[in-house]
Amino acid sequence: MSLDTHLDQLKERHATLESRITEEDQRPRPDSGTLTRLKLEKLRLKEEMERLRARPG
């Protein structure tokens, strides 16, 4: 898998998580545990994307 393809997949997952976070946050009683888990996963993906972009090559 090429670097660009992998980055595109990570971007898609990141966007999906953003949507899920927004949906959960707009519920009458958002689940704080779910929000925390989703936000941590989103941050992990962001860090992975940044690491891959910074890689020489």
C-alpha atoms as a PDB file:
ATOM      1  CA  MET A   1       0.000   0.000   0.000  1.00  0.00           C
ATOM      2  CA  SER A   2       1.385   3.404  -0.929  1.00  0.00           C
ATOM      3  CA  LEU A   3       1.887   6.157   1.606  1.00  0.00           C
ATOM      4  CA  ASP A   4      -0.763   8.333  -0.070  1.00  0.00           C
ATOM      5  CA  THR A   5      -3.306   5.524   0.015  1.00  0.00           C
ATOM      6  CA  HIS A   6      -2.598   4.857   3.672  1.00  0.00           C
ATOM      7  CA  LEU A   7      -2.902   8.567   4.507  1.00  0.00           C
ATOM      8  CA  ASP A   8      -6.214   8.742   2.622  1.00  0.00           C
ATOM      9  CA  GLN A   9      -7.558   5.820   4.651  1.00  0.00           C
ATOM     10  CA  LEU A  10      -6.449   7.464   7.886  1.00  0.00           C
ATOM     11  CA  LYS A  11      -8.112  10.744   6.832  1.00  0.00           C
ATOM     12  CA  GLU A  12     -11.370   8.890   6.148  1.00  0.00           C
ATOM     13  CA  ARG A  13     -11.279   7.207   9.556  1.00  0.00           C
ATOM     14  CA  HIS A  14     -10.452  10.569  11.165  1.00  0.00           C
ATOM     15  CA  ALA A  15     -13.464  12.198   9.454  1.00  0.00           C
ATOM     16  CA  THR A  16     -15.722   9.324  10.495  1.00  0.00           C
ATOM     17  CA  LEU A  17     -14.623   9.715  14.098  1.00  0.00           C
ATOM     18  CA  GLU A  18     -15.277  13.469  13.903  1.00  0.00           C
ATOM     19  CA  SER A  19     -18.839  12.745  12.743  1.00  0.00           C
ATOM     20  CA  ARG A  20     -19.391  10.201  15.511  1.00  0.00           C
ATOM     21  CA  ILE A  21     -18.066  12.669  18.100  1.00  0.00           C
ATOM     22  CA  THR A  22     -20.438  15.366  16.826  1.00  0.00           C
ATOM     23  CA  GLU A  23     -23.394  12.959  16.867  1.00  0.00           C
ATOM     24  CA  GLU A  24     -22.633  11.791  20.397  1.00  0.00           C
ATOM     25  CA  ASP A  25     -22.090  15.346  21.630  1.00  0.00           C
ATOM     26  CA  GLN A  26     -25.479  16.461  20.284  1.00  0.00           C
ATOM     27  CA  ARG A  27     -27.426  13.745  22.057  1.00  0.00           C
ATOM     28  CA  PRO A  28     -29.562  14.863  25.006  1.00  0.00           C
ATOM     29  CA  ARG A  29     -27.234  12.975  27.367  1.00  0.00           C
ATOM     30  CA  PRO A  30     -23.863  12.383  25.705  1.00  0.00           C
ATOM     31  CA  ASP A  31     -21.883   9.455  27.069  1.00  0.00           C
ATOM     32  CA  SER A  32     -18.645  10.944  28.386  1.00  0.00           C
ATOM     33  CA  GLY A  33     -16.852   7.591  28.219  1.00  0.00           C
ATOM     34  CA  THR A  34     -17.740   7.160  24.559  1.00  0.00           C
ATOM     35  CA  LEU A  35     -16.714  10.747  23.787  1.00  0.00           C
ATOM     36  CA  THR A  36     -13.377  10.268  25.520  1.00  0.00           C
ATOM     37  CA  ARG A  37     -12.691   7.021  23.655  1.00  0.00           C
ATOM     38  CA  LEU A  38     -13.600   8.544  20.287  1.00  0.00           C
ATOM     39  CA  LYS A  39     -11.510  11.657  20.898  1.00  0.00           C
ATOM     40  CA  LEU A  40      -8.489   9.609  21.942  1.00  0.00           C
ATOM     41  CA  GLU A  41      -8.777   7.452  18.816  1.00  0.00           C
ATOM     42  CA  LYS A  42      -9.097  10.578  16.667  1.00  0.00           C
ATOM     43  CA  LEU A  43      -5.988  12.053  18.281  1.00  0.00           C
ATOM     44  CA  ARG A  44      -4.077   8.800  17.741  1.00  0.00           C
ATOM     45  CA  LEU A  45      -4.981   8.874  14.050  1.00  0.00           C
ATOM     46  CA  LYS A  46      -3.941  12.511  13.745  1.00  0.00           C
ATOM     47  CA  GLU A  47      -0.578  11.768  15.350  1.00  0.00           C
ATOM     48  CA  GLU A  48      -0.062   8.787  13.032  1.00  0.00           C
ATOM     49  CA  MET A  49      -0.845  10.932   9.973  1.00  0.00           C
ATOM     50  CA  GLU A  50       1.607  13.603  11.123  1.00  0.00           C
ATOM     51  CA  ARG A  51       4.287  10.994  11.770  1.00  0.00           C
ATOM     52  CA  LEU A  52       3.838   9.509   8.293  1.00  0.00           C
ATOM     53  CA  ARG A  53       3.942  12.927   6.624  1.00  0.00           C
ATOM     54  CA  ALA A  54       7.155  13.817   8.471  1.00  0.00           C
ATOM     55  CA  ARG A  55       8.878  10.603   7.407  1.00  0.00           C
ATOM     56  CA  PRO A  56      11.618  11.145   4.881  1.00  0.00           C
ATOM     57  CA  GLY A  57      11.115   9.457   1.599  1.00  0.00           C
END
